Amino acid sequence: MNWRIVVIPITLIPILFIALQFDIKIEDVFAIGIFPFVMAVIAMMIKLGLQGIKFAYITQQYLGKFDSFWKLTGVRVGSEFIKFTTPMFVGAEFIVIYYLHKKGVSPSKSTWIAIMDIVTEVFAAGLLSIMAGILALMHGAYVVGVIILGTSIFVTTLWMALFFLSSKRIFQLPRVISILVEKFGKEKGKNLVSKTNSWMEEVCVMSKKNLRTNESKKIFTITFFISLVSWSFYGISFMIIAFGTGYVIGIFDSIMAVMGANAIGNLPITVGGSGLAEFGIVAYLNNQNPFDLQILEGNAIWNTVIGWRIATYYIPIAVTWILLVKLALSRYRNSDST
């Protein structure tokens, strides 16, 4: 896990590039003011907190009160460190699966809970990002709109399709992958393929058992709306920062801009979307091409974007790392299987 700390300085490279390219000075960022900055951090913490509460709710609905609600919340918030430090849309689910399994929950149940959590998160983010992409196209930001829609539709469709199809069929490793693993891994490879296919079958059986029940439909609906509220706070954080620099933007526009930038930042190119999110939000707000530096020159919004990124990315990295180490990765005596 220590290698993830090493990659954090790498995420500063795009910030430094932006500062040098567009002549952003440290006093420009400080001009935001302490109050808007702190309020933006609080908005981001609420966003993460709601994610944690949602996970704790899902877990206790399926497993009962086998663990502290607030500890489960903290574990889920801490797991976001993985997403912050990898070039992927997902990653946090591996930590919660590990934690639940460490507490004695079977791998299939742990995976099902993690899937329910991530699917509602992806679905809510996907719908908001698709709205942002459509609005971008309507306002003439064709490059930005196409990137947002392409990323959002692909990720959302993939997760939702796998989620609902898992209740109708048994997924197994693709034959080509199985052959390669068995060929290069020999006996260990065969065991790995067998265990993986068995695990996937158990998850699909659990999906078939639970997905169509009224209880699961209720859980899905409630957690989906929690996710919408959670992502909304993420969008509001930019409006708060913008207020400190005199840049006026409404709540809806702020949410759309941030969710559009979030979709661009989810492209698996940079760690934590660093650089992509910054260019994406400026391009979205100005109906421009995020890859054309000339038309972005001299844009006064850059100090707002940098301040927002610090409040919603770098500070949460520190918070989630502490929770990850103290809660999710701490030693625990194995309890009875759940």
Protein backbone atom coordinates (compact mmCIF):
# COMPACT_ATOMS: atom_id res chain seq x y z
CA MET A 1 0.00 0.00 0.00
CA ASN A 2 2.96 2.31 0.58
CA TRP A 3 3.54 2.65 -3.16
CA ARG A 4 0.27 4.58 -3.38
CA ILE A 5 1.78 7.28 -1.18
CA VAL A 6 4.64 7.56 -3.66
CA VAL A 7 2.26 8.26 -6.55
CA ILE A 8 0.65 11.22 -4.77
CA PRO A 9 3.48 13.63 -5.72
CA ILE A 10 2.95 12.53 -9.34
CA THR A 11 -0.58 13.94 -9.19
CA LEU A 12 0.93 17.35 -8.45
CA ILE A 13 2.60 17.50 -11.87
CA PRO A 14 -0.57 18.60 -13.74
CA ILE A 15 -1.27 21.23 -11.04
CA LEU A 16 2.27 22.63 -11.42
CA PHE A 17 1.93 22.57 -15.20
CA ILE A 18 -1.33 24.52 -15.03
CA ALA A 19 0.18 27.04 -12.61
CA LEU A 20 3.18 27.64 -14.87
CA GLN A 21 1.28 27.56 -18.16
CA PHE A 22 -1.41 29.99 -17.04
CA ASP A 23 0.71 32.06 -14.63
CA ILE A 24 -1.22 31.11 -11.48
CA LYS A 25 0.55 32.39 -8.37
CA ILE A 26 0.16 31.06 -4.83
CA GLU A 27 -1.50 34.31 -3.75
CA ASP A 28 -4.15 33.76 -6.44
CA VAL A 29 -5.13 30.49 -4.79
CA PHE A 30 -4.99 32.01 -1.28
CA ALA A 31 -7.31 34.76 -2.51
CA ILE A 32 -10.14 32.22 -2.30
CA GLY A 33 -10.30 32.85 1.43
CA ILE A 34 -10.23 30.46 4.36
CA PHE A 35 -14.01 30.32 4.88
CA PRO A 36 -14.99 29.24 1.32
CA PHE A 37 -12.08 26.79 1.28
CA VAL A 38 -13.10 25.17 4.60
CA MET A 39 -16.74 25.04 3.53
CA ALA A 40 -15.73 23.31 0.28
CA VAL A 41 -13.73 20.76 2.28
CA ILE A 42 -16.77 20.20 4.52
CA ALA A 43 -18.99 19.70 1.44
CA MET A 44 -16.54 17.08 0.17
CA MET A 45 -16.43 15.38 3.58
CA ILE A 46 -20.25 15.24 3.54
CA LYS A 47 -20.04 13.63 0.12
CA LEU A 48 -17.64 10.97 1.39
CA GLY A 49 -19.61 10.56 4.61
CA LEU A 50 -22.81 9.84 2.69
CA GLN A 51 -20.96 7.20 0.70
CA GLY A 52 -19.89 5.61 3.96
CA ILE A 53 -23.38 5.77 5.46
CA LYS A 54 -24.79 4.17 2.32
CA PHE A 55 -22.34 1.27 2.56
CA ALA A 56 -23.05 0.79 6.27
CA TYR A 57 -26.80 0.77 5.55
CA ILE A 58 -26.43 -1.84 2.79
CA THR A 59 -24.19 -4.03 4.94
CA GLN A 60 -26.47 -4.02 7.97
CA GLN A 61 -29.55 -4.63 5.84
CA TYR A 62 -28.01 -7.87 4.51
CA LEU A 63 -25.93 -8.95 7.51
CA GLY A 64 -27.66 -7.42 10.49
CA LYS A 65 -25.83 -5.37 13.09
CA PHE A 66 -22.72 -7.53 13.09
CA ASP A 67 -20.44 -4.49 13.23
CA SER A 68 -20.58 -0.84 14.29
CA PHE A 69 -22.50 1.34 11.82
CA TRP A 70 -19.98 4.16 12.17
CA LYS A 71 -16.98 1.86 11.79
CA LEU A 72 -18.44 0.51 8.57
CA THR A 73 -18.95 4.11 7.47
CA GLY A 74 -15.31 4.92 8.24
CA VAL A 75 -14.06 1.85 6.38
CA ARG A 76 -15.98 2.85 3.27
CA VAL A 77 -14.69 6.44 3.42
CA GLY A 78 -11.15 5.14 3.88
CA SER A 79 -11.53 2.85 0.87
CA GLU A 80 -11.87 5.93 -1.35
CA PHE A 81 -8.10 6.37 -1.01
CA ILE A 82 -7.75 3.56 -3.55
CA LYS A 83 -9.85 5.46 -6.09
CA PHE A 84 -7.94 8.66 -5.43
CA THR A 85 -4.60 6.99 -6.19
CA THR A 86 -5.37 4.78 -9.19
CA PRO A 87 -6.25 5.64 -12.81
CA MET A 88 -9.64 3.92 -12.58
CA PHE A 89 -13.28 4.73 -11.88
CA VAL A 90 -13.49 2.01 -9.26
CA GLY A 91 -11.16 0.37 -6.75
CA ALA A 92 -12.70 1.03 -3.36
CA GLU A 93 -14.77 -2.15 -3.53
CA PHE A 94 -11.67 -4.32 -3.09
CA ILE A 95 -11.04 -2.78 0.32
CA VAL A 96 -14.60 -3.29 1.58
CA ILE A 97 -14.59 -6.89 0.31
CA TYR A 98 -11.31 -7.46 2.15
CA TYR A 99 -12.64 -5.87 5.33
CA LEU A 100 -15.90 -7.84 5.35
CA HIS A 101 -14.06 -11.07 4.61
CA LYS A 102 -11.62 -10.30 7.43
CA LYS A 103 -14.64 -9.95 9.74
CA GLY A 104 -15.79 -13.44 8.78
CA VAL A 105 -18.25 -12.66 5.99
CA SER A 106 -18.16 -15.11 3.08
CA PRO A 107 -16.53 -13.87 -0.16
CA SER A 108 -19.80 -14.11 -2.09
CA LYS A 109 -21.74 -12.01 0.45
CA SER A 110 -18.89 -9.50 0.71
CA THR A 111 -18.80 -9.13 -3.06
CA TRP A 112 -22.57 -8.80 -3.35
CA ILE A 113 -22.62 -5.97 -0.80
CA ALA A 114 -19.71 -4.23 -2.55
CA ILE A 115 -21.44 -4.59 -5.93
CA MET A 116 -24.69 -3.12 -4.61
CA ASP A 117 -22.71 -0.19 -3.21
CA ILE A 118 -20.66 0.54 -6.34
CA VAL A 119 -23.52 0.02 -8.80
CA THR A 120 -25.74 2.63 -7.12
CA GLU A 121 -22.73 4.97 -7.03
CA VAL A 122 -21.97 4.46 -10.72
CA PHE A 123 -25.62 4.70 -11.73
CA ALA A 124 -26.14 8.04 -9.95
CA ALA A 125 -22.85 9.50 -11.22
CA GLY A 126 -23.55 8.19 -14.71
CA LEU A 127 -26.98 9.81 -14.96
CA LEU A 128 -25.67 13.18 -13.75
CA SER A 129 -22.68 12.99 -16.09
CA ILE A 130 -24.87 12.07 -19.06
CA MET A 131 -27.00 15.13 -18.31
CA ALA A 132 -23.82 17.22 -18.23
CA GLY A 133 -22.68 15.74 -21.55
CA ILE A 134 -26.00 16.50 -23.23
CA LEU A 135 -25.92 20.09 -21.95
CA ALA A 136 -22.35 20.47 -23.22
CA LEU A 137 -23.43 19.40 -26.71
CA MET A 138 -26.41 21.76 -26.60
CA HIS A 139 -24.05 24.65 -25.78
CA GLY A 140 -21.63 23.82 -28.58
CA ALA A 141 -18.90 22.13 -26.52
CA TYR A 142 -18.79 19.17 -28.89
CA VAL A 143 -15.41 17.69 -27.94
CA VAL A 144 -16.17 17.96 -24.22
CA GLY A 145 -19.70 16.61 -24.68
CA VAL A 146 -18.58 13.60 -26.72
CA ILE A 147 -15.88 12.68 -24.18
CA ILE A 148 -18.28 13.01 -21.25
CA LEU A 149 -21.04 11.01 -22.95
CA GLY A 150 -18.65 8.37 -24.25
CA THR A 151 -17.11 7.73 -20.85
CA SER A 152 -20.36 7.97 -18.86
CA ILE A 153 -22.50 5.82 -21.15
CA PHE A 154 -19.83 3.11 -21.45
CA VAL A 155 -19.13 2.81 -17.70
CA THR A 156 -22.79 3.10 -16.63
CA THR A 157 -24.06 0.63 -19.23
CA LEU A 158 -21.31 -1.88 -18.47
CA TRP A 159 -21.94 -1.91 -14.72
CA MET A 160 -25.73 -1.94 -14.96
CA ALA A 161 -25.72 -4.69 -17.58
CA LEU A 162 -23.41 -6.91 -15.54
CA PHE A 163 -25.42 -6.18 -12.40
CA PHE A 164 -28.79 -7.19 -13.81
CA LEU A 165 -27.49 -10.02 -16.01
CA SER A 166 -25.80 -11.60 -13.00
CA SER A 167 -29.26 -12.57 -11.72
CA LYS A 168 -30.10 -14.36 -14.97
CA ARG A 169 -26.92 -16.23 -15.84
CA ILE A 170 -23.75 -17.59 -14.29
CA PHE A 171 -20.65 -15.63 -15.28
CA GLN A 172 -17.33 -17.42 -15.62
CA LEU A 173 -13.85 -16.34 -16.67
CA PRO A 174 -13.59 -16.00 -20.47
CA ARG A 175 -12.17 -19.16 -22.00
CA VAL A 176 -9.15 -17.37 -23.47
CA ILE A 177 -8.15 -15.93 -20.07
CA SER A 178 -8.64 -19.32 -18.38
CA ILE A 179 -6.39 -21.04 -20.92
CA LEU A 180 -3.64 -18.43 -20.53
CA VAL A 181 -3.74 -18.54 -16.71
CA GLU A 182 -3.66 -22.34 -16.68
CA LYS A 183 -0.87 -22.44 -19.26
CA PHE A 184 1.47 -20.04 -17.47
CA GLY A 185 0.38 -20.80 -13.91
CA LYS A 186 0.27 -24.58 -14.35
CA GLU A 187 -1.24 -26.21 -11.22
CA LYS A 188 -1.54 -22.91 -9.33
CA GLY A 189 -3.17 -21.41 -12.41
CA LYS A 190 -5.74 -24.19 -12.56
CA ASN A 191 -6.56 -23.72 -8.88
CA LEU A 192 -6.89 -19.95 -9.39
CA VAL A 193 -9.26 -20.40 -12.34
CA SER A 194 -11.31 -22.96 -10.41
CA LYS A 195 -11.60 -20.74 -7.31
CA THR A 196 -12.41 -17.65 -9.36
CA ASN A 197 -15.14 -19.41 -11.32
CA SER A 198 -16.57 -20.85 -8.10
CA TRP A 199 -16.58 -17.38 -6.50
CA MET A 200 -18.26 -15.82 -9.56
CA GLU A 201 -20.90 -18.55 -9.54
CA GLU A 202 -21.65 -17.93 -5.86
CA VAL A 203 -22.00 -14.18 -6.49
CA CYS A 204 -24.39 -14.79 -9.42
CA VAL A 205 -26.46 -17.22 -7.33
CA MET A 206 -26.67 -14.61 -4.58
CA SER A 207 -27.64 -11.98 -7.15
CA LYS A 208 -30.41 -14.23 -8.46
CA LYS A 209 -31.59 -14.88 -4.92
CA ASN A 210 -31.60 -11.25 -3.77
CA LEU A 211 -31.97 -8.88 -6.71
CA ARG A 212 -35.66 -9.38 -7.40
CA THR A 213 -36.81 -9.30 -3.80
CA ASN A 214 -38.77 -6.31 -2.52
CA GLU A 215 -36.14 -5.78 0.18
CA SER A 216 -33.33 -5.47 -2.38
CA LYS A 217 -35.42 -3.15 -4.55
CA LYS A 218 -35.98 -0.95 -1.52
CA ILE A 219 -32.26 -0.97 -0.64
CA PHE A 220 -31.32 -0.15 -4.24
CA THR A 221 -33.78 2.75 -4.44
CA ILE A 222 -32.77 4.29 -1.11
CA THR A 223 -29.02 4.00 -1.78
CA PHE A 224 -29.42 5.36 -5.31
CA PHE A 225 -30.97 8.54 -3.95
CA ILE A 226 -28.27 8.77 -1.27
CA SER A 227 -25.72 8.58 -4.08
CA LEU A 228 -27.46 11.40 -5.98
CA VAL A 229 -27.30 13.61 -2.89
CA SER A 230 -23.69 12.59 -2.31
CA TRP A 231 -22.60 13.55 -5.83
CA SER A 232 -24.57 16.79 -5.54
CA PHE A 233 -22.47 17.85 -2.56
CA TYR A 234 -19.39 17.17 -4.69
CA GLY A 235 -20.78 19.58 -7.29
CA ILE A 236 -21.73 22.19 -4.70
CA SER A 237 -18.13 22.23 -3.41
CA PHE A 238 -17.04 23.97 -6.61
CA MET A 239 -19.73 26.63 -6.28
CA ILE A 240 -18.48 27.39 -2.76
CA ILE A 241 -14.88 27.77 -3.90
CA ALA A 242 -15.99 29.89 -6.86
CA PHE A 243 -17.82 32.20 -4.47
CA GLY A 244 -14.49 32.98 -2.79
CA THR A 245 -12.95 34.17 -6.05
CA GLY A 246 -15.92 36.17 -7.24
CA TYR A 247 -16.79 33.65 -9.97
CA VAL A 248 -20.59 33.39 -9.95
CA ILE A 249 -22.12 30.00 -10.73
CA GLY A 250 -25.46 28.45 -9.74
CA ILE A 251 -25.90 25.15 -7.91
CA PHE A 252 -27.17 23.22 -10.95
CA ASP A 253 -24.46 24.55 -13.26
CA SER A 254 -21.82 23.78 -10.64
CA ILE A 255 -23.05 20.19 -10.26
CA MET A 256 -23.13 19.71 -14.03
CA ALA A 257 -19.64 21.16 -14.48
CA VAL A 258 -18.16 19.00 -11.75
CA MET A 259 -19.89 15.82 -12.95
CA GLY A 260 -18.75 16.54 -16.49
CA ALA A 261 -15.20 17.01 -15.23
CA ASN A 262 -15.57 13.86 -13.11
CA ALA A 263 -16.45 11.84 -16.21
CA ILE A 264 -13.41 13.19 -18.07
CA GLY A 265 -11.23 12.54 -15.02
CA ASN A 266 -12.40 8.91 -14.98
CA LEU A 267 -10.55 8.19 -18.21
CA PRO A 268 -7.83 5.69 -17.16
CA ILE A 269 -4.98 8.00 -18.16
CA THR A 270 -3.77 9.79 -15.04
CA VAL A 271 -3.72 8.95 -11.33
CA GLY A 272 -6.96 10.08 -9.72
CA GLY A 273 -7.88 11.98 -12.90
CA SER A 274 -5.28 14.61 -12.03
CA GLY A 275 -5.06 17.18 -14.81
CA LEU A 276 -8.00 15.76 -16.74
CA ALA A 277 -10.56 16.97 -14.19
CA GLU A 278 -9.03 20.46 -14.05
CA PHE A 279 -8.94 20.94 -17.81
CA GLY A 280 -12.34 19.30 -18.14
CA ILE A 281 -14.16 21.65 -15.78
CA VAL A 282 -12.68 24.79 -17.38
CA ALA A 283 -13.46 23.51 -20.85
CA TYR A 284 -17.00 22.61 -19.83
CA LEU A 285 -17.71 26.02 -18.32
CA ASN A 286 -16.31 27.82 -21.35
CA ASN A 287 -17.61 25.55 -24.14
CA GLN A 288 -14.05 24.85 -25.24
CA ASN A 289 -11.72 22.08 -26.31
CA PRO A 290 -9.88 20.80 -23.20
CA PHE A 291 -6.87 19.81 -25.31
CA ASP A 292 -6.34 23.21 -26.94
CA LEU A 293 -4.15 25.16 -24.52
CA GLN A 294 -4.25 28.35 -26.59
CA ILE A 295 -7.96 28.98 -26.13
CA LEU A 296 -7.62 28.30 -22.40
CA GLU A 297 -4.85 30.89 -21.94
CA GLY A 298 -5.54 33.73 -19.52
CA ASN A 299 -8.68 32.15 -18.11
CA ALA A 300 -9.35 33.67 -14.69
CA ILE A 301 -11.13 30.56 -13.47
CA TRP A 302 -7.92 28.56 -13.09
CA ASN A 303 -7.22 29.69 -9.52
CA THR A 304 -10.76 28.60 -8.59
CA VAL A 305 -10.19 25.18 -10.17
CA ILE A 306 -6.86 24.67 -8.41
CA GLY A 307 -8.35 25.67 -5.04
CA TRP A 308 -11.30 23.34 -5.64
CA ARG A 309 -8.99 20.46 -6.54
CA ILE A 310 -6.95 20.94 -3.37
CA ALA A 311 -10.10 21.01 -1.22
CA THR A 312 -11.78 18.00 -2.86
CA TYR A 313 -8.80 15.81 -3.75
CA TYR A 314 -5.61 16.44 -1.80
CA ILE A 315 -7.12 17.00 1.63
CA PRO A 316 -9.49 13.99 1.28
CA ILE A 317 -6.47 11.87 0.30
CA ALA A 318 -4.99 12.50 3.75
CA VAL A 319 -8.29 11.83 5.53
CA THR A 320 -9.07 8.63 3.62
CA TRP A 321 -5.52 7.32 4.10
CA ILE A 322 -5.81 7.67 7.89
CA LEU A 323 -9.20 5.89 7.94
CA LEU A 324 -7.93 3.19 5.57
CA VAL A 325 -4.96 2.34 7.76
CA LYS A 326 -6.71 2.71 11.12
CA LEU A 327 -9.91 0.85 10.23
CA ALA A 328 -9.90 -1.20 7.01
CA LEU A 329 -6.32 -2.48 7.18
CA SER A 330 -5.96 -2.81 10.95
CA ARG A 331 -5.51 -6.25 12.49
CA TYR A 332 -8.65 -8.03 13.62
CA ARG A 333 -9.30 -11.36 15.30
CA ASN A 334 -11.37 -13.55 13.02
CA SER A 335 -14.96 -13.90 14.13
CA ASP A 336 -17.45 -16.60 13.28
CA SER A 337 -18.43 -16.74 9.64
CA THR A 338 -21.51 -14.78 8.70
